């Protein structure tokens, strides 16, 4: 009898007579969690687990050896997520639906001390996966239990839904409605509700209505017309624009101030008082006089008002004058 057939017989035996055996475990987890699969029959005198072997079977179609002589097989596709503890327990990090199945911890070549572990994973996700509740105003949530094919099937009413207050949802409500449970999948359609996005919890329960595992989900009903990303980007662009304007004003102001400093100022004798008057002396002689007639030469001094600085006198035309002084 080959190993595959032997494993199938052992599995059937355990499932039928699990009440007389304490060497099996049922584990329920959520995706992304770390899980420890106990090896209940491991010998405490062998801390290196040198004779321990872990077998993995997903649906009886194929049995894989993931741990041999206490070491993880590096040829396993999950080798980087598997490890063995000193008590020979198998640790799986960041589990997902691909880790679901039937695990066997075996001591050496004997099957008398095999320990069995059934690993199941519960997930809650929108259906279809790309559904957008913001556009449709409602979304259908699917609560799925992934488990081994030979494990006892999900009974009717194996799932229970709760709202964010912990109240159990019964029948169809104003803002939600149930779809019929299909095997190990329960569906709930929820609609947009005022106030805030509500959280929904799916529980997988046993025959005594005790929750084995639960998973939460909060639909995103955020208004798509308000995109906070664009608001943040617009504010940043506006701030940059203000800084650019301020920098430009400062540059223009500095250039104007520099040009004012570069204009040459007229020189002035240090002993002379400041004056806004400009003086011009003109030698006025009669060029038509007769050479035989002595002509008296006269020097005339003219003065004008410098109008660079405007004063009240600028508005009075009589303030513009010429003075004539006759030398003594």
Protein backbone atom coordinates (compact mmCIF):
# COMPACT_ATOMS: atom_id res chain seq x y z
CA UNK A 1 0.00 0.00 0.00
CA UNK A 2 1.51 3.34 -1.04
CA UNK A 3 1.79 6.41 1.20
CA UNK A 4 -1.11 8.21 -0.46
CA UNK A 5 -3.60 5.42 0.16
CA UNK A 6 -2.34 4.98 3.71
CA UNK A 7 -2.80 8.68 4.42
CA UNK A 8 -6.35 8.56 3.08
CA UNK A 9 -7.22 5.65 5.36
CA UNK A 10 -5.72 7.44 8.36
CA UNK A 11 -7.68 10.59 7.55
CA UNK A 12 -10.96 8.70 7.25
CA UNK A 13 -10.28 6.92 10.52
CA UNK A 14 -9.54 10.13 12.37
CA UNK A 15 -12.62 11.90 11.02
CA UNK A 16 -14.90 9.03 12.01
CA UNK A 17 -13.44 8.40 15.45
CA UNK A 18 -12.13 11.79 16.45
CA UNK A 19 -13.90 11.48 19.77
CA UNK A 20 -11.39 8.84 20.99
CA UNK A 21 -8.26 10.65 19.85
CA UNK A 22 -6.58 13.72 21.26
CA UNK A 23 -3.96 14.09 18.56
CA UNK A 24 -5.78 16.34 16.11
CA UNK A 25 -6.45 20.06 16.00
CA UNK A 26 -8.73 22.43 14.09
CA UNK A 27 -7.25 25.86 13.48
CA UNK A 28 -9.11 28.86 12.06
CA UNK A 29 -7.25 31.99 11.03
CA UNK A 30 -7.50 35.11 8.89
CA UNK A 31 -5.23 35.99 5.93
CA UNK A 32 -1.98 37.68 6.91
CA UNK A 33 -1.78 36.13 10.37
CA UNK A 34 0.99 33.90 11.73
CA UNK A 35 -0.11 30.43 12.82
CA UNK A 36 1.52 27.69 14.88
CA UNK A 37 0.63 24.08 14.07
CA UNK A 38 1.31 21.95 17.17
CA UNK A 39 3.02 18.58 16.98
CA UNK A 40 1.21 17.01 19.90
CA UNK A 41 3.21 13.78 19.83
CA UNK A 42 6.69 15.34 19.66
CA UNK A 43 9.18 13.92 22.14
CA UNK A 44 10.54 16.49 24.63
CA UNK A 45 13.83 14.57 24.65
CA UNK A 46 14.48 15.56 21.03
CA UNK A 47 14.73 19.39 21.01
CA UNK A 48 16.32 19.34 17.56
CA UNK A 49 13.32 17.46 16.12
CA UNK A 50 15.81 15.33 14.20
CA UNK A 51 13.27 12.60 13.51
CA UNK A 52 10.27 14.89 12.87
CA UNK A 53 8.62 15.15 9.48
CA UNK A 54 5.74 17.44 8.48
CA UNK A 55 3.45 16.36 5.62
CA UNK A 56 1.00 18.62 3.82
CA UNK A 57 -2.09 17.59 1.90
CA UNK A 58 -4.52 20.07 0.39
CA UNK A 59 -7.15 17.86 -1.21
CA UNK A 60 -5.67 14.32 -1.16
CA UNK A 61 -4.56 14.70 -4.75
CA UNK A 62 -0.95 15.32 -3.69
CA UNK A 63 1.03 14.89 -0.47
CA UNK A 64 4.10 17.09 0.05
CA UNK A 65 6.92 16.86 2.60
CA UNK A 66 7.53 20.39 3.88
CA UNK A 67 9.76 19.51 6.87
CA UNK A 68 12.20 16.61 7.07
CA UNK A 69 14.52 15.77 10.00
CA UNK A 70 13.46 18.96 11.68
CA UNK A 71 14.47 21.23 8.76
CA UNK A 72 12.27 23.05 6.28
CA UNK A 73 12.68 21.78 2.76
CA UNK A 74 14.08 24.64 0.72
CA UNK A 75 12.48 23.23 -2.42
CA UNK A 76 9.09 24.10 -0.95
CA UNK A 77 7.41 27.12 -2.54
CA UNK A 78 6.65 28.38 0.98
CA UNK A 79 10.08 27.76 2.46
CA UNK A 80 10.65 31.45 3.29
CA UNK A 81 7.44 31.50 5.38
CA UNK A 82 7.96 28.19 7.23
CA UNK A 83 9.99 27.44 10.35
CA UNK A 84 10.17 24.78 13.08
CA UNK A 85 10.16 25.55 16.81
CA UNK A 86 12.07 23.64 19.49
CA UNK A 87 8.90 21.72 20.39
CA UNK A 88 8.66 20.67 16.71
CA UNK A 89 5.61 22.85 16.00
CA UNK A 90 5.35 24.14 12.44
CA UNK A 91 5.13 27.96 12.10
CA UNK A 92 3.58 29.52 9.00
CA UNK A 93 3.96 33.29 8.62
CA UNK A 94 1.55 35.52 6.72
CA UNK A 95 -0.87 32.76 5.87
CA UNK A 96 -3.24 32.85 2.91
CA UNK A 97 -5.80 30.60 1.25
CA UNK A 98 -2.98 28.56 -0.36
CA UNK A 99 -1.90 27.35 3.11
CA UNK A 100 -5.26 25.73 3.83
CA UNK A 101 -5.19 21.96 4.17
CA UNK A 102 -4.41 18.89 6.22
CA UNK A 103 -1.04 18.71 8.03
CA UNK A 104 0.56 15.65 9.65
CA UNK A 105 3.42 15.67 12.15
CA UNK A 106 5.18 12.30 12.12
CA UNK A 107 7.93 10.91 14.37
CA UNK A 108 10.34 8.87 12.29
CA UNK A 109 8.73 6.21 10.12
CA UNK A 110 6.03 5.18 12.57
CA UNK A 111 2.48 6.36 11.98
CA UNK A 112 1.27 5.40 15.43
CA UNK A 113 2.22 8.79 16.88
CA UNK A 114 1.03 10.99 14.05
CA UNK A 115 -0.55 14.32 15.01
CA UNK A 116 -3.07 15.88 12.63
CA UNK A 117 -3.89 19.55 12.11
CA UNK A 118 -6.67 20.97 9.93
CA UNK A 119 -5.97 24.56 8.94
CA UNK A 120 -8.84 26.75 7.67
CA UNK A 121 -8.85 30.42 6.63
CA UNK A 122 -11.80 32.84 6.82
CA UNK A 123 -11.94 35.82 4.47
CA UNK A 124 -14.37 38.71 3.84
CA UNK A 125 -14.14 40.54 0.52
CA UNK A 126 -16.36 42.45 -1.93
CA UNK A 127 -17.88 40.58 -4.84
CA UNK A 128 -16.84 41.09 -7.53
CA UNK A 129 -13.35 42.00 -6.25
CA UNK A 130 -13.29 45.26 -8.23
CA UNK A 131 -16.69 46.44 -7.02
CA UNK A 132 -16.77 50.15 -6.17
CA UNK A 133 -19.40 50.96 -3.50
CA UNK A 134 -18.74 54.70 -4.01
CA UNK A 135 -20.19 54.51 -7.51
CA UNK A 136 -23.00 52.00 -6.97
CA UNK A 137 -24.07 53.01 -3.48
CA UNK A 138 -24.04 49.36 -2.38
CA UNK A 139 -21.69 46.37 -2.27
CA UNK A 140 -22.03 42.62 -1.77
CA UNK A 141 -19.72 41.12 0.85
CA UNK A 142 -18.71 37.47 0.62
CA UNK A 143 -17.62 35.61 3.74
CA UNK A 144 -15.74 32.45 2.71
CA UNK A 145 -14.25 29.62 4.76
CA UNK A 146 -11.43 27.88 2.91
CA UNK A 147 -10.89 24.40 4.35
CA UNK A 148 -9.75 20.87 3.51
CA UNK A 149 -12.04 18.98 1.16
CA UNK A 150 -12.44 16.07 3.60
CA UNK A 151 -13.21 18.25 6.58
CA UNK A 152 -16.80 18.26 7.71
CA UNK A 153 -18.75 20.53 5.32
CA UNK A 154 -20.25 23.82 6.40
CA UNK A 155 -23.71 23.26 7.79
CA UNK A 156 -26.65 25.51 7.03
CA UNK A 157 -26.51 28.75 9.02
CA UNK A 158 -22.81 28.27 9.76
CA UNK A 159 -22.24 32.02 9.34
CA UNK A 160 -23.44 34.95 11.41
CA UNK A 161 -23.28 38.65 10.43
CA UNK A 162 -23.06 41.54 12.90
CA UNK A 163 -23.02 45.33 12.54
CA UNK A 164 -20.56 47.73 14.21
CA UNK A 165 -22.56 47.66 17.47
CA UNK A 166 -22.32 43.87 17.71
CA UNK A 167 -26.02 43.38 16.92
CA UNK A 168 -26.80 40.28 14.89
CA UNK A 169 -28.37 40.95 11.50
CA UNK A 170 -31.51 38.90 10.96
CA UNK A 171 -33.43 38.54 7.70
CA UNK A 172 -33.42 41.51 5.33
CA UNK A 173 -33.14 45.01 6.76
CA UNK A 174 -33.55 48.51 5.36
CA UNK A 175 -29.87 48.89 4.53
CA UNK A 176 -28.86 45.27 3.99
CA UNK A 177 -30.09 41.99 2.53
CA UNK A 178 -28.90 38.39 2.69
CA UNK A 179 -28.19 36.11 -0.22
CA UNK A 180 -28.52 32.37 0.19
CA UNK A 181 -25.53 30.57 1.72
CA UNK A 182 -23.71 28.40 -0.81
CA UNK A 183 -21.64 25.67 0.83
CA UNK A 184 -18.99 27.60 2.81
CA UNK A 185 -19.80 31.05 1.40
CA UNK A 186 -22.26 33.54 2.89
CA UNK A 187 -23.16 36.77 1.07
CA UNK A 188 -24.52 40.04 2.44
CA UNK A 189 -25.46 43.09 0.35
CA UNK A 190 -25.13 46.40 2.19
CA UNK A 191 -26.15 49.89 1.06
CA UNK A 192 -24.78 53.36 1.71
CA UNK A 193 -25.82 54.71 5.09
CA UNK A 194 -25.75 58.27 6.37
CA UNK A 195 -23.30 59.43 8.97
CA UNK A 196 -20.27 57.23 8.43
CA UNK A 197 -19.07 53.99 6.88
CA UNK A 198 -20.29 51.05 8.92
CA UNK A 199 -18.28 47.97 9.86
CA UNK A 200 -19.65 44.47 9.23
CA UNK A 201 -18.42 41.31 10.93
CA UNK A 202 -18.75 37.76 9.65
CA UNK A 203 -18.45 34.87 12.12
CA UNK A 204 -18.09 31.18 11.41
CA UNK A 205 -19.96 29.37 14.21
CA UNK A 206 -20.15 25.80 15.48
CA UNK A 207 -23.23 23.78 16.36
CA UNK A 208 -23.45 25.48 19.74
CA UNK A 209 -23.44 28.95 18.05
CA UNK A 210 -19.96 29.69 19.34
CA UNK A 211 -17.75 31.70 17.00
CA UNK A 212 -14.75 29.74 15.78
CA UNK A 213 -13.32 32.70 13.85
CA UNK A 214 -14.50 36.11 12.67
CA UNK A 215 -13.40 38.72 10.13
CA UNK A 216 -14.33 42.41 9.77
CA UNK A 217 -14.92 44.55 6.71
CA UNK A 218 -15.71 48.27 6.28
CA UNK A 219 -17.06 49.26 2.84
CA UNK A 220 -15.66 52.49 1.40
CA UNK A 221 -18.67 54.67 0.68
CA UNK A 222 -16.61 57.90 0.49
CA UNK A 223 -18.07 60.46 -1.91
CA UNK A 224 -15.97 60.19 -5.13
CA UNK A 225 -16.71 63.84 -6.01
CA UNK A 226 -14.42 64.98 -3.20
CA UNK A 227 -10.87 64.03 -3.98
CA UNK A 228 -8.70 65.12 -1.10
CA UNK A 229 -5.55 64.41 -3.10
CA UNK A 230 -6.36 67.14 -5.60
CA UNK A 231 -7.20 69.56 -2.78
CA UNK A 232 -3.80 69.01 -1.18
CA UNK A 233 -2.00 69.40 -4.50
CA UNK A 234 -3.91 72.61 -5.29
CA UNK A 235 -3.02 74.10 -1.91
CA UNK A 236 0.65 73.27 -2.45
CA UNK A 237 0.67 74.83 -5.92
CA UNK A 238 -1.02 77.97 -4.57
CA UNK A 239 1.58 78.31 -1.81
CA UNK A 240 4.41 77.99 -4.34
CA UNK A 241 2.77 80.66 -6.51
CA UNK A 242 2.62 83.11 -3.59
CA UNK A 243 6.30 82.53 -2.84
CA UNK A 244 7.21 83.16 -6.49
CA UNK A 245 5.32 86.49 -6.51
CA UNK A 246 6.99 87.61 -3.28
CA UNK A 247 10.42 86.72 -4.66
CA UNK A 248 9.74 88.66 -7.90
CA UNK A 249 8.68 91.78 -5.97
CA UNK A 250 11.84 91.65 -3.86
CA UNK A 251 14.06 91.32 -6.94
CA UNK A 252 12.40 94.31 -8.68
CA UNK A 253 12.70 96.43 -5.51
CA UNK A 254 16.39 95.65 -5.16
CA UNK A 255 17.10 96.46 -8.82
CA UNK A 256 15.38 99.86 -8.50
CA UNK A 257 17.28 100.66 -5.32
CA UNK A 258 20.57 99.78 -7.03
CA UNK A 259 19.85 102.05 -10.01
CA UNK A 260 19.09 104.94 -7.63
CA UNK A 261 22.41 104.45 -5.86
CA UNK A 262 24.31 104.42 -9.18
CA UNK A 263 23.08 107.92 -10.34
CA UNK A 264 26.06 110.40 -9.99
CA UNK A 265 25.49 113.36 -7.71
CA UNK A 266 26.77 116.88 -8.65
CA UNK A 267 29.93 117.99 -6.92
CA UNK A 268 29.72 120.91 -4.51
CA UNK A 269 32.38 123.01 -2.85
CA UNK A 270 32.50 122.10 0.80
CA UNK A 271 32.46 125.81 1.85
CA UNK A 272 29.44 126.70 -0.20
CA UNK A 273 25.98 126.40 1.31
CA UNK A 274 23.51 124.18 -0.43
CA UNK A 275 21.42 126.16 -2.92
CA UNK A 276 18.91 125.44 -5.60
CA UNK A 277 20.13 128.44 -7.68
CA UNK A 278 22.40 128.24 -10.69
CA UNK A 279 24.49 131.30 -11.53
CA UNK A 280 25.83 132.30 -14.97
CA UNK A 281 28.03 135.38 -15.63
CA UNK A 282 27.83 136.95 -19.08
CA UNK A 283 30.29 139.58 -20.38
CA UNK A 284 28.02 141.93 -22.31
CA UNK A 285 29.77 144.41 -24.61
CA UNK A 286 28.52 146.54 -27.46
CA UNK A 287 30.15 145.00 -30.50
CA UNK A 288 28.82 147.79 -32.81
CA UNK A 289 30.43 150.68 -31.00
CA UNK A 290 32.78 152.99 -32.83
CA UNK A 291 36.45 152.33 -32.29
CA UNK A 292 36.90 156.04 -31.56
CA UNK A 293 34.19 156.07 -28.89
CA UNK A 294 34.93 154.56 -25.62
CA UNK A 295 32.24 152.14 -24.69
CA UNK A 296 31.66 151.22 -21.10
CA UNK A 297 31.76 147.53 -20.71
CA UNK A 298 29.30 146.03 -18.32
CA UNK A 299 29.23 142.60 -16.74
CA UNK A 300 25.82 141.14 -16.11
CA UNK A 301 25.17 138.17 -13.92
CA UNK A 302 22.05 136.11 -14.50
CA UNK A 303 20.64 133.64 -12.08
CA UNK A 304 17.94 131.01 -12.60
CA UNK A 305 15.96 128.85 -10.24
CA UNK A 306 16.76 125.13 -10.21
CA UNK A 307 13.38 123.38 -10.51
CA UNK A 308 14.55 119.87 -9.79
CA UNK A 309 12.75 120.06 -6.48
CA UNK A 310 9.29 121.46 -6.80
CA UNK A 311 8.25 124.05 -4.27
CA UNK A 312 5.32 126.32 -3.78
CA UNK A 313 7.10 128.90 -5.90
CA UNK A 314 6.78 126.63 -8.92
CA UNK A 315 3.10 127.41 -9.09
CA UNK A 316 3.82 131.22 -9.12
CA UNK A 317 5.12 132.45 -12.53
CA UNK A 318 6.56 135.59 -10.93
CA UNK A 319 9.02 133.42 -9.04
CA UNK A 320 10.97 132.84 -12.24
CA UNK A 321 13.14 135.92 -12.44
CA UNK A 322 16.52 137.29 -13.58
CA UNK A 323 18.59 139.58 -11.49
CA UNK A 324 21.08 141.92 -12.88
CA UNK A 325 23.93 143.15 -10.81
CA UNK A 326 26.15 145.92 -11.94
CA UNK A 327 29.65 145.76 -10.76
CA UNK A 328 30.82 148.69 -8.72
